[in-house]
C-alpha atoms as a PDB file:
ATOM      1  CA  UNK A   1     -14.344  60.904 133.136  1.00  0.00           C
ATOM      2  CA  UNK A   2     -15.710  59.040 130.163  1.00  0.00           C
ATOM      3  CA  UNK A   3     -14.942  55.803 131.924  1.00  0.00           C
ATOM      4  CA  UNK A   4     -12.250  54.822 129.493  1.00  0.00           C
ATOM      5  CA  UNK A   5      -8.870  53.900 130.818  1.00  0.00           C
ATOM      6  CA  UNK A   6      -5.947  55.893 129.461  1.00  0.00           C
ATOM      7  CA  UNK A   7      -3.711  53.967 127.117  1.00  0.00           C
ATOM      8  CA  UNK A   8      -0.219  53.275 128.326  1.00  0.00           C
ATOM      9  CA  UNK A   9       2.275  51.531 126.154  1.00  0.00           C
ATOM     10  CA  UNK A  10       5.850  50.629 126.938  1.00  0.00           C
ATOM     11  CA  UNK A  11       8.290  52.928 125.221  1.00  0.00           C
ATOM     12  CA  UNK A  12      12.039  52.938 124.807  1.00  0.00           C
ATOM     13  CA  UNK A  13      13.603  56.297 125.463  1.00  0.00           C
ATOM     14  CA  UNK A  14      17.194  57.040 124.502  1.00  0.00           C
ATOM     15  CA  UNK A  15      19.022  59.929 125.995  1.00  0.00           C
ATOM     16  CA  UNK A  16      22.334  61.004 124.546  1.00  0.00           C
ATOM     17  CA  UNK A  17      24.538  63.080 126.787  1.00  0.00           C
ATOM     18  CA  UNK A  18      27.077  65.197 124.937  1.00  0.00           C
ATOM     19  CA  UNK A  19      30.759  65.155 125.649  1.00  0.00           C
ATOM     20  CA  UNK A  20      32.068  67.741 128.064  1.00  0.00           C
ATOM     21  CA  UNK A  21      35.449  69.147 127.064  1.00  0.00           C
ATOM     22  CA  UNK A  22      38.202  68.894 129.679  1.00  0.00           C
ATOM     23  CA  UNK A  23      39.433  71.981 131.485  1.00  0.00           C
ATOM     24  CA  UNK A  24      42.797  72.819 132.994  1.00  0.00           C
ATOM     25  CA  UNK A  25      41.909  74.301 136.346  1.00  0.00           C
ATOM     26  CA  UNK A  26      45.167  74.710 138.249  1.00  0.00           C
ATOM     27  CA  UNK A  27      48.673  75.612 137.040  1.00  0.00           C
ATOM     28  CA  UNK A  28      51.689  77.293 138.699  1.00  0.00           C
ATOM     29  CA  UNK A  29      51.003  80.935 139.547  1.00  0.00           C
ATOM     30  CA  UNK A  30      52.094  83.136 136.592  1.00  0.00           C
ATOM     31  CA  UNK A  31      53.186  85.863 139.045  1.00  0.00           C
ATOM     32  CA  UNK A  32      55.641  83.437 140.682  1.00  0.00           C
ATOM     33  CA  UNK A  33      57.654  81.851 137.845  1.00  0.00           C
ATOM     34  CA  UNK A  34      58.863  78.292 138.358  1.00  0.00           C
ATOM     35  CA  UNK A  35      62.569  78.544 139.346  1.00  0.00           C
ATOM     36  CA  UNK A  36      64.978  76.529 137.174  1.00  0.00           C
ATOM     37  CA  UNK A  37      68.569  75.992 138.325  1.00  0.00           C
ATOM     38  CA  UNK A  38      70.536  74.206 135.613  1.00  0.00           C
ATOM     39  CA  UNK A  39      73.270  71.594 136.145  1.00  0.00           C
ATOM     40  CA  UNK A  40      76.719  72.281 134.625  1.00  0.00           C
ATOM     41  CA  UNK A  41      77.123  70.198 131.473  1.00  0.00           C
ATOM     42  CA  UNK A  42      73.969  68.167 132.161  1.00  0.00           C
ATOM     43  CA  UNK A  43      70.206  67.859 132.066  1.00  0.00           C
ATOM     44  CA  UNK A  44      68.057  69.189 134.903  1.00  0.00           C
ATOM     45  CA  UNK A  45      64.593  67.688 135.368  1.00  0.00           C
ATOM     46  CA  UNK A  46      62.037  70.318 136.394  1.00  0.00           C
ATOM     47  CA  UNK A  47      58.854  69.102 138.117  1.00  0.00           C
ATOM     48  CA  UNK A  48      55.682  71.043 137.332  1.00  0.00           C
ATOM     49  CA  UNK A  49      52.084  70.065 138.128  1.00  0.00           C
ATOM     50  CA  UNK A  50      48.688  70.869 136.709  1.00  0.00           C
ATOM     51  CA  UNK A  51      45.105  69.847 137.437  1.00  0.00           C
ATOM     52  CA  UNK A  52      42.651  68.806 134.723  1.00  0.00           C
ATOM     53  CA  UNK A  53      38.904  68.513 135.213  1.00  0.00           C
ATOM     54  CA  UNK A  54      36.311  66.702 133.108  1.00  0.00           C
ATOM     55  CA  UNK A  55      32.598  66.969 133.920  1.00  0.00           C
ATOM     56  CA  UNK A  56      32.214  63.409 132.583  1.00  0.00           C
ATOM     57  CA  UNK A  57      34.585  62.196 135.312  1.00  0.00           C
ATOM     58  CA  UNK A  58      38.343  61.797 135.545  1.00  0.00           C
ATOM     59  CA  UNK A  59      38.068  58.442 133.738  1.00  0.00           C
ATOM     60  CA  UNK A  60      37.245  60.440 130.584  1.00  0.00           C
ATOM     61  CA  UNK A  61      40.656  62.194 130.683  1.00  0.00           C
ATOM     62  CA  UNK A  62      43.223  60.632 128.354  1.00  0.00           C
ATOM     63  CA  UNK A  63      46.174  60.417 130.750  1.00  0.00           C
ATOM     64  CA  UNK A  64      48.556  59.481 127.911  1.00  0.00           C
ATOM     65  CA  UNK A  65      47.887  62.837 126.206  1.00  0.00           C
ATOM     66  CA  UNK A  66      48.920  64.979 129.206  1.00  0.00           C
ATOM     67  CA  UNK A  67      52.012  67.070 128.419  1.00  0.00           C
ATOM     68  CA  UNK A  68      53.922  70.116 129.612  1.00  0.00           C
ATOM     69  CA  UNK A  69      56.210  72.197 127.376  1.00  0.00           C
ATOM     70  CA  UNK A  70      58.699  74.975 128.114  1.00  0.00           C
ATOM     71  CA  UNK A  71      59.163  77.388 125.189  1.00  0.00           C
ATOM     72  CA  UNK A  72      61.181  80.538 124.610  1.00  0.00           C
ATOM     73  CA  UNK A  73      61.727  82.379 121.336  1.00  0.00           C
ATOM     74  CA  UNK A  74      64.936  81.195 119.683  1.00  0.00           C
ATOM     75  CA  UNK A  75      65.295  78.149 121.954  1.00  0.00           C
ATOM     76  CA  UNK A  76      64.450  74.467 121.520  1.00  0.00           C
ATOM     77  CA  UNK A  77      61.089  73.463 122.998  1.00  0.00           C
ATOM     78  CA  UNK A  78      61.414  71.196 126.036  1.00  0.00           C
ATOM     79  CA  UNK A  79      58.449  68.804 126.337  1.00  0.00           C
ATOM     80  CA  UNK A  80      57.536  66.050 128.775  1.00  0.00           C
ATOM     81  CA  UNK A  81      54.770  63.504 129.067  1.00  0.00           C
ATOM     82  CA  UNK A  82      53.001  63.683 132.389  1.00  0.00           C
ATOM     83  CA  UNK A  83      51.893  61.025 134.832  1.00  0.00           C
ATOM     84  CA  UNK A  84      48.968  60.807 137.222  1.00  0.00           C
ATOM     85  CA  UNK A  85      49.745  62.092 140.701  1.00  0.00           C
ATOM     86  CA  UNK A  86      46.283  61.769 142.282  1.00  0.00           C
ATOM     87  CA  UNK A  87      42.516  62.181 141.904  1.00  0.00           C
ATOM     88  CA  UNK A  88      41.344  64.762 144.455  1.00  0.00           C
ATOM     89  CA  UNK A  89      37.715  64.000 143.512  1.00  0.00           C
ATOM     90  CA  UNK A  90      35.731  62.051 140.887  1.00  0.00           C
ATOM     91  CA  UNK A  91      36.142  64.735 138.192  1.00  0.00           C
ATOM     92  CA  UNK A  92      39.787  65.885 138.552  1.00  0.00           C
ATOM     93  CA  UNK A  93      43.300  64.534 138.066  1.00  0.00           C
ATOM     94  CA  UNK A  94      46.547  66.119 139.219  1.00  0.00           C
ATOM     95  CA  UNK A  95      49.437  65.423 136.822  1.00  0.00           C
ATOM     96  CA  UNK A  96      53.210  65.466 137.483  1.00  0.00           C
ATOM     97  CA  UNK A  97      55.375  66.563 134.558  1.00  0.00           C
ATOM     98  CA  UNK A  98      59.182  66.179 134.602  1.00  0.00           C
ATOM     99  CA  UNK A  99      60.486  68.554 131.935  1.00  0.00           C
ATOM    100  CA  UNK A 100      64.156  68.069 130.904  1.00  0.00           C
ATOM    101  CA  UNK A 101      66.101  71.339 130.655  1.00  0.00           C
ATOM    102  CA  UNK A 102      69.624  71.457 129.213  1.00  0.00           C
ATOM    103  CA  UNK A 103      72.582  73.335 130.723  1.00  0.00           C
ATOM    104  CA  UNK A 104      72.760  75.602 127.671  1.00  0.00           C
ATOM    105  CA  UNK A 105      69.075  76.656 127.657  1.00  0.00           C
ATOM    106  CA  UNK A 106      68.952  80.455 127.756  1.00  0.00           C
ATOM    107  CA  UNK A 107      68.504  82.281 131.039  1.00  0.00           C
ATOM    108  CA  UNK A 108      65.478  84.478 131.595  1.00  0.00           C
ATOM    109  CA  UNK A 109      61.967  84.944 132.931  1.00  0.00           C
ATOM    110  CA  UNK A 110      60.309  84.603 129.536  1.00  0.00           C
ATOM    111  CA  UNK A 111      59.994  80.801 129.308  1.00  0.00           C
ATOM    112  CA  UNK A 112      56.314  79.946 128.730  1.00  0.00           C
ATOM    113  CA  UNK A 113      54.932  76.741 130.246  1.00  0.00           C
ATOM    114  CA  UNK A 114      52.094  75.163 128.240  1.00  0.00           C
ATOM    115  CA  UNK A 115      49.977  72.346 129.664  1.00  0.00           C
ATOM    116  CA  UNK A 116      47.820  70.125 127.408  1.00  0.00           C
ATOM    117  CA  UNK A 117      45.232  67.347 127.901  1.00  0.00           C
ATOM    118  CA  UNK A 118      42.636  65.520 125.767  1.00  0.00           C
ATOM    119  CA  UNK A 119      39.607  63.474 126.700  1.00  0.00           C
ATOM    120  CA  UNK A 120      38.652  60.048 125.359  1.00  0.00           C
ATOM    121  CA  UNK A 121      35.758  61.175 123.138  1.00  0.00           C
ATOM    122  CA  UNK A 122      35.607  59.455 119.758  1.00  0.00           C
ATOM    123  CA  UNK A 123      36.076  60.003 116.934  1.00  0.00           C
ATOM    124  CA  UNK A 124      37.369  63.474 117.806  1.00  0.00           C
ATOM    125  CA  UNK A 125      38.644  64.043 121.335  1.00  0.00           C
ATOM    126  CA  UNK A 126      38.110  67.419 122.966  1.00  0.00           C
ATOM    127  CA  UNK A 127      41.178  69.106 124.416  1.00  0.00           C
ATOM    128  CA  UNK A 128      42.302  71.884 126.713  1.00  0.00           C
ATOM    129  CA  UNK A 129      45.533  73.838 127.027  1.00  0.00           C
ATOM    130  CA  UNK A 130      46.859  76.576 129.268  1.00  0.00           C
ATOM    131  CA  UNK A 131      49.928  78.774 128.673  1.00  0.00           C
ATOM    132  CA  UNK A 132      49.692  81.251 131.540  1.00  0.00           C
ATOM    133  CA  UNK A 133      52.503  79.801 133.704  1.00  0.00           C
ATOM    134  CA  UNK A 134      56.103  81.001 133.394  1.00  0.00           C
ATOM    135  CA  UNK A 135      59.559  79.657 134.257  1.00  0.00           C
ATOM    136  CA  UNK A 136      62.627  81.589 135.353  1.00  0.00           C
ATOM    137  CA  UNK A 137      65.793  79.880 134.080  1.00  0.00           C
ATOM    138  CA  UNK A 138      68.749  81.128 136.108  1.00  0.00           C
ATOM    139  CA  UNK A 139      72.049  82.105 134.534  1.00  0.00           C
ATOM    140  CA  UNK A 140      74.724  79.430 134.897  1.00  0.00           C
ATOM    141  CA  UNK A 141      78.423  80.350 134.685  1.00  0.00           C
ATOM    142  CA  UNK A 142      80.437  77.126 134.494  1.00  0.00           C
ATOM    143  CA  UNK A 143      83.549  76.223 132.510  1.00  0.00           C
ATOM    144  CA  UNK A 144      85.916  73.276 132.401  1.00  0.00           C
ATOM    145  CA  UNK A 145      89.454  72.881 131.074  1.00  0.00           C
ATOM    146  CA  UNK A 146      90.381  69.883 128.896  1.00  0.00           C
ATOM    147  CA  UNK A 147      93.694  69.656 130.737  1.00  0.00           C
ATOM    148  CA  UNK A 148      95.599  71.688 133.322  1.00  0.00           C
ATOM    149  CA  UNK A 149      97.010  74.963 132.072  1.00  0.00           C
ATOM    150  CA  UNK A 150     100.665  74.271 131.262  1.00  0.00           C
ATOM    151  CA  UNK A 151     102.862  77.267 130.611  1.00  0.00           C
ATOM    152  CA  UNK A 152     105.905  75.088 130.020  1.00  0.00           C
ATOM    153  CA  UNK A 153     109.338  76.111 131.277  1.00  0.00           C
ATOM    154  CA  UNK A 154     109.777  79.807 131.912  1.00  0.00           C
ATOM    155  CA  UNK A 155     113.322  81.161 131.966  1.00  0.00           C
ATOM    156  CA  UNK A 156     114.347  84.403 133.635  1.00  0.00           C
ATOM    157  CA  UNK A 157     114.489  87.203 131.104  1.00  0.00           C
ATOM    158  CA  UNK A 158     112.466  85.344 128.471  1.00  0.00           C
ATOM    159  CA  UNK A 159     109.629  87.203 126.765  1.00  0.00           C
ATOM    160  CA  UNK A 160     106.546  86.035 124.905  1.00  0.00           C
ATOM    161  CA  UNK A 161     106.728  82.437 126.122  1.00  0.00           C
ATOM    162  CA  UNK A 162     104.001  80.374 124.534  1.00  0.00           C
ATOM    163  CA  UNK A 163     101.869  77.749 126.221  1.00  0.00           C
ATOM    164  CA  UNK A 164     100.217  74.726 124.723  1.00  0.00           C
ATOM    165  CA  UNK A 165      96.635  75.138 123.503  1.00  0.00           C
ATOM    166  CA  UNK A 166      94.163  75.734 126.284  1.00  0.00           C
ATOM    167  CA  UNK A 167      90.738  74.177 125.620  1.00  0.00           C
ATOM    168  CA  UNK A 168      87.940  75.728 127.668  1.00  0.00           C
ATOM    169  CA  UNK A 169      84.406  74.283 127.474  1.00  0.00           C
ATOM    170  CA  UNK A 170      81.308  76.276 128.406  1.00  0.00           C
ATOM    171  CA  UNK A 171      79.229  74.055 130.727  1.00  0.00           C
ATOM    172  CA  UNK A 172      76.520  76.662 131.323  1.00  0.00           C
ATOM    173  CA  UNK A 173      74.203  79.102 129.582  1.00  0.00           C
ATOM    174  CA  UNK A 174      76.264  82.235 130.214  1.00  0.00           C
ATOM    175  CA  UNK A 175      77.199  84.078 127.045  1.00  0.00           C
ATOM    176  CA  UNK A 176      80.156  86.398 127.448  1.00  0.00           C
ATOM    177  CA  UNK A 177      83.909  86.735 127.392  1.00  0.00           C
ATOM    178  CA  UNK A 178      86.617  84.978 129.329  1.00  0.00           C
ATOM    179  CA  UNK A 179      89.211  87.439 130.519  1.00  0.00           C
ATOM    180  CA  UNK A 180      92.745  86.157 131.091  1.00  0.00           C
ATOM    181  CA  UNK A 181      95.218  88.311 132.946  1.00  0.00           C
ATOM    182  CA  UNK A 182      98.971  87.898 132.828  1.00  0.00           C
ATOM    183  CA  UNK A 183     101.596  89.544 134.946  1.00  0.00           C
ATOM    184  CA  UNK A 184     105.372  89.857 135.036  1.00  0.00           C
ATOM    185  CA  UNK A 185     106.943  87.304 137.347  1.00  0.00           C
ATOM    186  CA  UNK A 186     108.631  89.061 140.201  1.00  0.00           C
ATOM    187  CA  UNK A 187     110.399  87.420 143.084  1.00  0.00           C
ATOM    188  CA  UNK A 188     112.250  84.155 143.553  1.00  0.00           C
ATOM    189  CA  UNK A 189     114.092  82.833 140.503  1.00  0.00           C
END
């Protein structure tokens, strides 16, 4: 009202937005363990998926850091890098993880699945992990023989005939005994 014009001067304003840590928002249901059927004498690849979310956008997720691990007390940890499956929206990524499980990995419901992801923040990336999912590794009974069982020549009336060594290989995760039964030969000479 004094008749003077207000003073306006150009100003540079800087706004720094902080980094939002990623979140893991979807993993297999812990009440329904991931079923794992092993392959005799081989490696079974188990597909598991998880969803990661970053409020800064899915481009801020470090895809190369995405992993899934299966752990059980007393067993080797089985870990896999994960790959991008899809982007359901501009903040989330669904990852596919192919975890290699060996034929001798112990059976049981107590395998813990841990998912991990980092963002691209520098110098220190933020990360997220989730270990609520479970896997059920089924028992596998599988054996192989190195060669056919050869009892040699059996003669009537002979006792305690010996065979050559029998080599049996466990091709599964079953831990137990092998029971061999023998019987007297009766019948045709």
